[in-house]
Amino acid sequence: MELIFDEESELLAREYIAKGIIPEKYEDDAFHIAVATVNDMDAIISWNFSHIVKLKTKREVVGINILMGYKEIDIYSPMEVVENERT
């Protein structure tokens, strides 16, 4: 499946930045989350513990997504996914 980065994704990413969820300096991280959200992905798997895979980001992304009419997206580290597969 090819994910599309369009104006809708950019607007959502800019909202994450405007609300202080992702620092503007790391806008690519905001784009990563926004593209997954707009393209209706269920989850993001990332090694980025600085700006993506952290509790604050997870909670605030869910809030913005709901406010803007998108579904919730789960954010996991690869280790969480592997642990879940073993159980």
PDB file of N, CA and C in Angstrom:
ATOM      1  N   MET A   1       0.845  -1.183   0.000  1.00  0.00           N
ATOM      2  CA  MET A   1       0.000   0.000   0.000  1.00  0.00           C
ATOM      3  C   MET A   1       0.888   1.243   0.000  1.00  0.00           C
ATOM      4  N   GLU A   2       0.587   2.134  -0.868  1.00  0.00           N
ATOM      5  CA  GLU A   2       1.328   3.396  -0.949  1.00  0.00           C
ATOM      6  C   GLU A   2       0.585   4.467  -0.150  1.00  0.00           C
ATOM      7  N   LEU A   3       1.315   5.113   0.756  1.00  0.00           N
ATOM      8  CA  LEU A   3       0.721   6.179   1.544  1.00  0.00           C
ATOM      9  C   LEU A   3       0.893   7.507   0.818  1.00  0.00           C
ATOM     10  N   ILE A   4      -0.110   8.345   0.898  1.00  0.00           N
ATOM     11  CA  ILE A   4      -0.105   9.621   0.188  1.00  0.00           C
ATOM     12  C   ILE A   4       0.138  10.766   1.161  1.00  0.00           C
ATOM     13  N   PHE A   5       1.082  11.621   0.800  1.00  0.00           N
ATOM     14  CA  PHE A   5       1.326  12.848   1.562  1.00  0.00           C
ATOM     15  C   PHE A   5       0.706  13.982   0.769  1.00  0.00           C
ATOM     16  N   ASP A   6      -0.390  14.523   1.289  1.00  0.00           N
ATOM     17  CA  ASP A   6      -1.115  15.549   0.559  1.00  0.00           C
ATOM     18  C   ASP A   6      -1.357  16.753   1.470  1.00  0.00           C
ATOM     19  N   GLU A   7      -2.165  17.672   0.988  1.00  0.00           N
ATOM     20  CA  GLU A   7      -2.462  18.893   1.755  1.00  0.00           C
ATOM     21  C   GLU A   7      -3.146  18.566   3.079  1.00  0.00           C
ATOM     22  N   GLU A   8      -4.017  17.586   3.073  1.00  0.00           N
ATOM     23  CA  GLU A   8      -4.714  17.179   4.294  1.00  0.00           C
ATOM     24  C   GLU A   8      -3.708  16.690   5.350  1.00  0.00           C
ATOM     25  N   SER A   9      -2.739  15.889   4.907  1.00  0.00           N
ATOM     26  CA  SER A   9      -1.693  15.409   5.817  1.00  0.00           C
ATOM     27  C   SER A   9      -0.859  16.559   6.354  1.00  0.00           C
ATOM     28  N   GLU A  10      -0.527  17.495   5.484  1.00  0.00           N
ATOM     29  CA  GLU A  10       0.276  18.631   5.920  1.00  0.00           C
ATOM     30  C   GLU A  10      -0.479  19.489   6.934  1.00  0.00           C
ATOM     31  N   LEU A  11      -1.760  19.709   6.712  1.00  0.00           N
ATOM     32  CA  LEU A  11      -2.557  20.492   7.666  1.00  0.00           C
ATOM     33  C   LEU A  11      -2.614  19.818   9.040  1.00  0.00           C
ATOM     34  N   LEU A  12      -2.772  18.502   9.057  1.00  0.00           N
ATOM     35  CA  LEU A  12      -2.807  17.779  10.324  1.00  0.00           C
ATOM     36  C   LEU A  12      -1.439  17.841  11.012  1.00  0.00           C
ATOM     37  N   ALA A  13      -0.380  17.678  10.252  1.00  0.00           N
ATOM     38  CA  ALA A  13       0.972  17.771  10.821  1.00  0.00           C
ATOM     39  C   ALA A  13       1.208  19.159  11.413  1.00  0.00           C
ATOM     40  N   ARG A  14       0.777  20.178  10.714  1.00  0.00           N
ATOM     41  CA  ARG A  14       0.937  21.553  11.214  1.00  0.00           C
ATOM     42  C   ARG A  14       0.145  21.765  12.509  1.00  0.00           C
ATOM     43  N   GLU A  15      -0.969  21.075  12.648  1.00  0.00           N
ATOM     44  CA  GLU A  15      -1.747  21.167  13.885  1.00  0.00           C
ATOM     45  C   GLU A  15      -0.976  20.516  15.043  1.00  0.00           C
ATOM     46  N   TYR A  16      -0.353  19.367  14.795  1.00  0.00           N
ATOM     47  CA  TYR A  16       0.471  18.734  15.829  1.00  0.00           C
ATOM     48  C   TYR A  16       1.582  19.686  16.281  1.00  0.00           C
ATOM     49  N   ILE A  17       2.166  20.388  15.338  1.00  0.00           N
ATOM     50  CA  ILE A  17       3.242  21.334  15.652  1.00  0.00           C
ATOM     51  C   ILE A  17       2.675  22.547  16.394  1.00  0.00           C
ATOM     52  N   ALA A  18       1.581  23.090  15.901  1.00  0.00           N
ATOM     53  CA  ALA A  18       0.974  24.280  16.516  1.00  0.00           C
ATOM     54  C   ALA A  18       0.564  24.019  17.963  1.00  0.00           C
ATOM     55  N   LYS A  19       0.135  22.796  18.262  1.00  0.00           N
ATOM     56  CA  LYS A  19      -0.296  22.446  19.616  1.00  0.00           C
ATOM     57  C   LYS A  19       0.869  22.014  20.505  1.00  0.00           C
ATOM     58  N   GLY A  20       2.083  22.028  19.964  1.00  0.00           N
ATOM     59  CA  GLY A  20       3.260  21.697  20.763  1.00  0.00           C
ATOM     60  C   GLY A  20       3.479  20.211  20.981  1.00  0.00           C
ATOM     61  N   ILE A  21       2.809  19.388  20.215  1.00  0.00           N
ATOM     62  CA  ILE A  21       2.989  17.944  20.352  1.00  0.00           C
ATOM     63  C   ILE A  21       4.345  17.526  19.782  1.00  0.00           C
ATOM     64  N   ILE A  22       4.661  18.058  18.627  1.00  0.00           N
ATOM     65  CA  ILE A  22       5.944  17.802  17.965  1.00  0.00           C
ATOM     66  C   ILE A  22       6.621  19.153  17.753  1.00  0.00           C
ATOM     67  N   PRO A  23       7.909  19.281  18.118  1.00  0.00           N
ATOM     68  CA  PRO A  23       8.607  20.548  17.884  1.00  0.00           C
ATOM     69  C   PRO A  23       8.735  20.839  16.386  1.00  0.00           C
ATOM     70  N   GLU A  24       8.618  22.099  16.017  1.00  0.00           N
ATOM     71  CA  GLU A  24       8.707  22.487  14.606  1.00  0.00           C
ATOM     72  C   GLU A  24      10.016  22.021  13.972  1.00  0.00           C
ATOM     73  N   LYS A  25      11.067  22.022  14.746  1.00  0.00           N
ATOM     74  CA  LYS A  25      12.383  21.579  14.251  1.00  0.00           C
ATOM     75  C   LYS A  25      12.333  20.135  13.739  1.00  0.00           C
ATOM     76  N   TYR A  26      11.382  19.354  14.246  1.00  0.00           N
ATOM     77  CA  TYR A  26      11.253  17.943  13.874  1.00  0.00           C
ATOM     78  C   TYR A  26       9.949  17.684  13.120  1.00  0.00           C
ATOM     79  N   GLU A  27       9.643  18.587  12.188  1.00  0.00           N
ATOM     80  CA  GLU A  27       8.376  18.492  11.461  1.00  0.00           C
ATOM     81  C   GLU A  27       8.211  17.168  10.724  1.00  0.00           C
ATOM     82  N   ASP A  28       9.294  16.524  10.335  1.00  0.00           N
ATOM     83  CA  ASP A  28       9.170  15.223   9.665  1.00  0.00           C
ATOM     84  C   ASP A  28       8.466  14.200  10.557  1.00  0.00           C
ATOM     85  N   ASP A  29       8.674  14.304  11.859  1.00  0.00           N
ATOM     86  CA  ASP A  29       7.993  13.402  12.785  1.00  0.00           C
ATOM     87  C   ASP A  29       6.484  13.673  12.786  1.00  0.00           C
ATOM     88  N   ALA A  30       6.110  14.934  12.740  1.00  0.00           N
ATOM     89  CA  ALA A  30       4.693  15.291  12.650  1.00  0.00           C
ATOM     90  C   ALA A  30       4.097  14.797  11.331  1.00  0.00           C
ATOM     91  N   PHE A  31       4.849  14.922  10.243  1.00  0.00           N
ATOM     92  CA  PHE A  31       4.379  14.434   8.944  1.00  0.00           C
ATOM     93  C   PHE A  31       4.181  12.914   8.986  1.00  0.00           C
ATOM     94  N   HIS A  32       5.108  12.213   9.618  1.00  0.00           N
ATOM     95  CA  HIS A  32       5.026  10.752   9.729  1.00  0.00           C
ATOM     96  C   HIS A  32       3.700  10.344  10.380  1.00  0.00           C
ATOM     97  N   ILE A  33       3.375  10.966  11.499  1.00  0.00           N
ATOM     98  CA  ILE A  33       2.135  10.642  12.209  1.00  0.00           C
ATOM     99  C   ILE A  33       0.911  11.057  11.386  1.00  0.00           C
ATOM    100  N   ALA A  34       0.962  12.227  10.802  1.00  0.00           N
ATOM    101  CA  ALA A  34      -0.175  12.738  10.032  1.00  0.00           C
ATOM    102  C   ALA A  34      -0.460  11.886   8.794  1.00  0.00           C
ATOM    103  N   VAL A  35       0.574  11.490   8.085  1.00  0.00           N
ATOM    104  CA  VAL A  35       0.375  10.663   6.889  1.00  0.00           C
ATOM    105  C   VAL A  35      -0.269   9.332   7.275  1.00  0.00           C
ATOM    106  N   ALA A  36       0.209   8.726   8.352  1.00  0.00           N
ATOM    107  CA  ALA A  36      -0.389   7.463   8.805  1.00  0.00           C
ATOM    108  C   ALA A  36      -1.844   7.662   9.196  1.00  0.00           C
ATOM    109  N   THR A  37      -2.138   8.764   9.871  1.00  0.00           N
ATOM    110  CA  THR A  37      -3.501   9.049  10.300  1.00  0.00           C
ATOM    111  C   THR A  37      -4.425   9.285   9.106  1.00  0.00           C
ATOM    112  N   VAL A  38      -4.039  10.171   8.225  1.00  0.00           N
ATOM    113  CA  VAL A  38      -4.886  10.529   7.071  1.00  0.00           C
ATOM    114  C   VAL A  38      -5.096   9.332   6.144  1.00  0.00           C
ATOM    115  N   ASN A  39      -4.102   8.461   6.071  1.00  0.00           N
ATOM    116  CA  ASN A  39      -4.217   7.277   5.228  1.00  0.00           C
ATOM    117  C   ASN A  39      -4.872   6.100   5.956  1.00  0.00           C
ATOM    118  N   ASP A  40      -5.480   6.391   7.112  1.00  0.00           N
ATOM    119  CA  ASP A  40      -6.310   5.440   7.849  1.00  0.00           C
ATOM    120  C   ASP A  40      -5.551   4.204   8.346  1.00  0.00           C
ATOM    121  N   MET A  41      -4.300   4.402   8.740  1.00  0.00           N
ATOM    122  CA  MET A  41      -3.532   3.313   9.329  1.00  0.00           C
ATOM    123  C   MET A  41      -4.020   3.081  10.759  1.00  0.00           C
ATOM    124  N   ASP A  42      -3.901   1.868  11.232  1.00  0.00           N
ATOM    125  CA  ASP A  42      -4.302   1.543  12.598  1.00  0.00           C
ATOM    126  C   ASP A  42      -3.210   1.876  13.608  1.00  0.00           C
ATOM    127  N   ALA A  43      -1.939   1.792  13.170  1.00  0.00           N
ATOM    128  CA  ALA A  43      -0.838   1.977  14.102  1.00  0.00           C
ATOM    129  C   ALA A  43       0.406   2.487  13.393  1.00  0.00           C
ATOM    130  N   ILE A  44       1.288   3.065  14.203  1.00  0.00           N
ATOM    131  CA  ILE A  44       2.626   3.480  13.767  1.00  0.00           C
ATOM    132  C   ILE A  44       3.607   2.688  14.625  1.00  0.00           C
ATOM    133  N   ILE A  45       4.610   2.112  13.989  1.00  0.00           N
ATOM    134  CA  ILE A  45       5.688   1.430  14.693  1.00  0.00           C
ATOM    135  C   ILE A  45       6.936   2.267  14.458  1.00  0.00           C
ATOM    136  N   SER A  46       7.575   2.699  15.541  1.00  0.00           N
ATOM    137  CA  SER A  46       8.701   3.623  15.382  1.00  0.00           C
ATOM    138  C   SER A  46       9.748   3.402  16.467  1.00  0.00           C
ATOM    139  N   TRP A  47      11.001   3.660  16.081  1.00  0.00           N
ATOM    140  CA  TRP A  47      12.111   3.678  17.042  1.00  0.00           C
ATOM    141  C   TRP A  47      12.308   5.078  17.607  1.00  0.00           C
ATOM    142  N   ASN A  48      11.539   6.043  17.160  1.00  0.00           N
ATOM    143  CA  ASN A  48      11.740   7.435  17.562  1.00  0.00           C
ATOM    144  C   ASN A  48      11.123   7.684  18.936  1.00  0.00           C
ATOM    145  N   PHE A  49      11.938   7.509  19.972  1.00  0.00           N
ATOM    146  CA  PHE A  49      11.474   7.690  21.341  1.00  0.00           C
ATOM    147  C   PHE A  49      11.511   9.155  21.771  1.00  0.00           C
ATOM    148  N   SER A  50      12.127  10.004  20.979  1.00  0.00           N
ATOM    149  CA  SER A  50      12.220  11.422  21.327  1.00  0.00           C
ATOM    150  C   SER A  50      10.921  12.168  21.080  1.00  0.00           C
ATOM    151  N   HIS A  51      10.252  11.866  19.955  1.00  0.00           N
ATOM    152  CA  HIS A  51       9.083  12.656  19.592  1.00  0.00           C
ATOM    153  C   HIS A  51       7.846  11.850  19.218  1.00  0.00           C
ATOM    154  N   ILE A  52       7.993  10.563  18.971  1.00  0.00           N
ATOM    155  CA  ILE A  52       6.830   9.801  18.512  1.00  0.00           C
ATOM    156  C   ILE A  52       6.378   8.780  19.559  1.00  0.00           C
ATOM    157  N   VAL A  53       7.259   7.893  19.967  1.00  0.00           N
ATOM    158  CA  VAL A  53       6.884   6.824  20.888  1.00  0.00           C
ATOM    159  C   VAL A  53       7.107   7.287  22.326  1.00  0.00           C
ATOM    160  N   LYS A  54       6.219   8.142  22.779  1.00  0.00           N
ATOM    161  CA  LYS A  54       6.238   8.574  24.178  1.00  0.00           C
ATOM    162  C   LYS A  54       4.812   8.878  24.602  1.00  0.00           C
ATOM    163  N   LEU A  55       4.548   8.727  25.869  1.00  0.00           N
ATOM    164  CA  LEU A  55       3.184   8.822  26.376  1.00  0.00           C
ATOM    165  C   LEU A  55       2.517  10.151  26.031  1.00  0.00           C
ATOM    166  N   LYS A  56       3.228  11.251  26.209  1.00  0.00           N
ATOM    167  CA  LYS A  56       2.673  12.576  25.907  1.00  0.00           C
ATOM    168  C   LYS A  56       2.214  12.649  24.449  1.00  0.00           C
ATOM    169  N   THR A  57       3.057  12.214  23.552  1.00  0.00           N
ATOM    170  CA  THR A  57       2.711  12.252  22.128  1.00  0.00           C
ATOM    171  C   THR A  57       1.508  11.364  21.837  1.00  0.00           C
ATOM    172  N   LYS A  58       1.518  10.157  22.370  1.00  0.00           N
ATOM    173  CA  LYS A  58       0.409   9.228  22.131  1.00  0.00           C
ATOM    174  C   LYS A  58      -0.924   9.841  22.558  1.00  0.00           C
ATOM    175  N   ARG A  59      -0.966  10.387  23.743  1.00  0.00           N
ATOM    176  CA  ARG A  59      -2.214  10.962  24.266  1.00  0.00           C
ATOM    177  C   ARG A  59      -2.657  12.185  23.467  1.00  0.00           C
ATOM    178  N   GLU A  60      -1.727  13.066  23.188  1.00  0.00           N
ATOM    179  CA  GLU A  60      -2.089  14.312  22.520  1.00  0.00           C
ATOM    180  C   GLU A  60      -2.444  14.104  21.054  1.00  0.00           C
ATOM    181  N   VAL A  61      -1.805  13.162  20.389  1.00  0.00           N
ATOM    182  CA  VAL A  61      -2.158  12.846  19.001  1.00  0.00           C
ATOM    183  C   VAL A  61      -3.591  12.315  18.948  1.00  0.00           C
ATOM    184  N   VAL A  62      -3.935  11.441  19.868  1.00  0.00           N
ATOM    185  CA  VAL A  62      -5.312  10.916  19.914  1.00  0.00           C
ATOM    186  C   VAL A  62      -6.299  12.068  20.076  1.00  0.00           C
ATOM    187  N   GLY A  63      -6.010  12.997  20.980  1.00  0.00           N
ATOM    188  CA  GLY A  63      -6.903  14.132  21.204  1.00  0.00           C
ATOM    189  C   GLY A  63      -7.087  14.994  19.974  1.00  0.00           C
ATOM    190  N   ILE A  64      -5.994  15.346  19.322  1.00  0.00           N
ATOM    191  CA  ILE A  64      -6.073  16.168  18.103  1.00  0.00           C
ATOM    192  C   ILE A  64      -6.808  15.412  17.005  1.00  0.00           C
ATOM    193  N   ASN A  65      -6.482  14.135  16.855  1.00  0.00           N
ATOM    194  CA  ASN A  65      -7.146  13.355  15.803  1.00  0.00           C
ATOM    195  C   ASN A  65      -8.660  13.342  15.997  1.00  0.00           C
ATOM    196  N   ILE A  66      -9.101  13.120  17.211  1.00  0.00           N
ATOM    197  CA  ILE A  66     -10.540  13.094  17.477  1.00  0.00           C
ATOM    198  C   ILE A  66     -11.163  14.465  17.219  1.00  0.00           C
ATOM    199  N   LEU A  67     -10.506  15.519  17.707  1.00  0.00           N
ATOM    200  CA  LEU A  67     -11.023  16.872  17.486  1.00  0.00           C
ATOM    201  C   LEU A  67     -11.124  17.223  16.001  1.00  0.00           C
ATOM    202  N   MET A  68     -10.222  16.675  15.208  1.00  0.00           N
ATOM    203  CA  MET A  68     -10.203  17.011  13.782  1.00  0.00           C
ATOM    204  C   MET A  68     -10.935  15.978  12.922  1.00  0.00           C
ATOM    205  N   GLY A  69     -11.613  15.034  13.564  1.00  0.00           N
ATOM    206  CA  GLY A  69     -12.453  14.097  12.823  1.00  0.00           C
ATOM    207  C   GLY A  69     -11.759  12.846  12.325  1.00  0.00           C
ATOM    208  N   TYR A  70     -10.597  12.546  12.860  1.00  0.00           N
ATOM    209  CA  TYR A  70      -9.879  11.326  12.472  1.00  0.00           C
ATOM    210  C   TYR A  70     -10.027  10.288  13.572  1.00  0.00           C
ATOM    211  N   LYS A  71      -9.761   9.050  13.212  1.00  0.00           N
ATOM    212  CA  LYS A  71      -9.808   7.995  14.226  1.00  0.00           C
ATOM    213  C   LYS A  71      -8.510   8.012  15.043  1.00  0.00           C
ATOM    214  N   GLU A  72      -8.558   7.332  16.174  1.00  0.00           N
ATOM    215  CA  GLU A  72      -7.365   7.191  17.000  1.00  0.00           C
ATOM    216  C   GLU A  72      -6.344   6.336  16.258  1.00  0.00           C
ATOM    217  N   ILE A  73      -5.078   6.615  16.488  1.00  0.00           N
ATOM    218  CA  ILE A  73      -4.017   5.789  15.924  1.00  0.00           C
ATOM    219  C   ILE A  73      -3.134   5.341  17.075  1.00  0.00           C
ATOM    220  N   ASP A  74      -2.785   4.075  17.081  1.00  0.00           N
ATOM    221  CA  ASP A  74      -1.903   3.546  18.118  1.00  0.00           C
ATOM    222  C   ASP A  74      -0.453   3.781  17.703  1.00  0.00           C
ATOM    223  N   ILE A  75       0.374   4.068  18.682  1.00  0.00           N
ATOM    224  CA  ILE A  75       1.800   4.282  18.441  1.00  0.00           C
ATOM    225  C   ILE A  75       2.567   3.309  19.323  1.00  0.00           C
ATOM    226  N   TYR A  76       3.424   2.489  18.695  1.00  0.00           N
ATOM    227  CA  TYR A  76       4.174   1.464  19.411  1.00  0.00           C
ATOM    228  C   TYR A  76       5.648   1.507  19.050  1.00  0.00           C
ATOM    229  N   SER A  77       6.450   0.982  19.950  1.00  0.00           N
ATOM    230  CA  SER A  77       7.849   0.698  19.626  1.00  0.00           C
ATOM    231  C   SER A  77       7.892  -0.713  19.027  1.00  0.00           C
ATOM    232  N   PRO A  78       8.922  -1.030  18.259  1.00  0.00           N
ATOM    233  CA  PRO A  78       9.026  -2.401  17.732  1.00  0.00           C
ATOM    234  C   PRO A  78       9.036  -3.452  18.842  1.00  0.00           C
ATOM    235  N   MET A  79       9.630  -3.116  19.986  1.00  0.00           N
ATOM    236  CA  MET A  79       9.687  -4.074  21.096  1.00  0.00           C
ATOM    237  C   MET A  79       8.297  -4.417  21.614  1.00  0.00           C
ATOM    238  N   GLU A  80       7.402  -3.436  21.651  1.00  0.00           N
ATOM    239  CA  GLU A  80       6.032  -3.687  22.102  1.00  0.00           C
ATOM    240  C   GLU A  80       5.310  -4.628  21.141  1.00  0.00           C
ATOM    241  N   VAL A  81       5.560  -4.479  19.870  1.00  0.00           N
ATOM    242  CA  VAL A  81       4.910  -5.326  18.871  1.00  0.00           C
ATOM    243  C   VAL A  81       5.429  -6.746  18.979  1.00  0.00           C
ATOM    244  N   VAL A  82       6.735  -6.905  19.120  1.00  0.00           N
ATOM    245  CA  VAL A  82       7.324  -8.235  19.238  1.00  0.00           C
ATOM    246  C   VAL A  82       6.830  -8.918  20.514  1.00  0.00           C
ATOM    247  N   GLU A  83       6.764  -8.181  21.624  1.00  0.00           N
ATOM    248  CA  GLU A  83       6.255  -8.753  22.873  1.00  0.00           C
ATOM    249  C   GLU A  83       4.820  -9.233  22.708  1.00  0.00           C
ATOM    250  N   ASN A  84       3.994  -8.466  22.032  1.00  0.00           N
ATOM    251  CA  ASN A  84       2.597  -8.841  21.830  1.00  0.00           C
ATOM    252  C   ASN A  84       2.458 -10.065  20.936  1.00  0.00           C
ATOM    253  N   GLU A  85       3.372 -10.240  20.007  1.00  0.00           N
ATOM    254  CA  GLU A  85       3.327 -11.395  19.111  1.00  0.00           C
ATOM    255  C   GLU A  85       3.689 -12.684  19.854  1.00  0.00           C
ATOM    256  N   ARG A  86       4.498 -12.585  20.882  1.00  0.00           N
ATOM    257  CA  ARG A  86       4.951 -13.770  21.627  1.00  0.00           C
ATOM    258  C   ARG A  86       3.892 -14.284  22.595  1.00  0.00           C
ATOM    259  N   THR A  87       2.960 -13.426  22.987  1.00  0.00           N
ATOM    260  CA  THR A  87       1.970 -13.852  23.975  1.00  0.00           C
ATOM    261  C   THR A  87       0.730 -14.409  23.338  1.00  0.00           C
TER     262      THR A  87
END
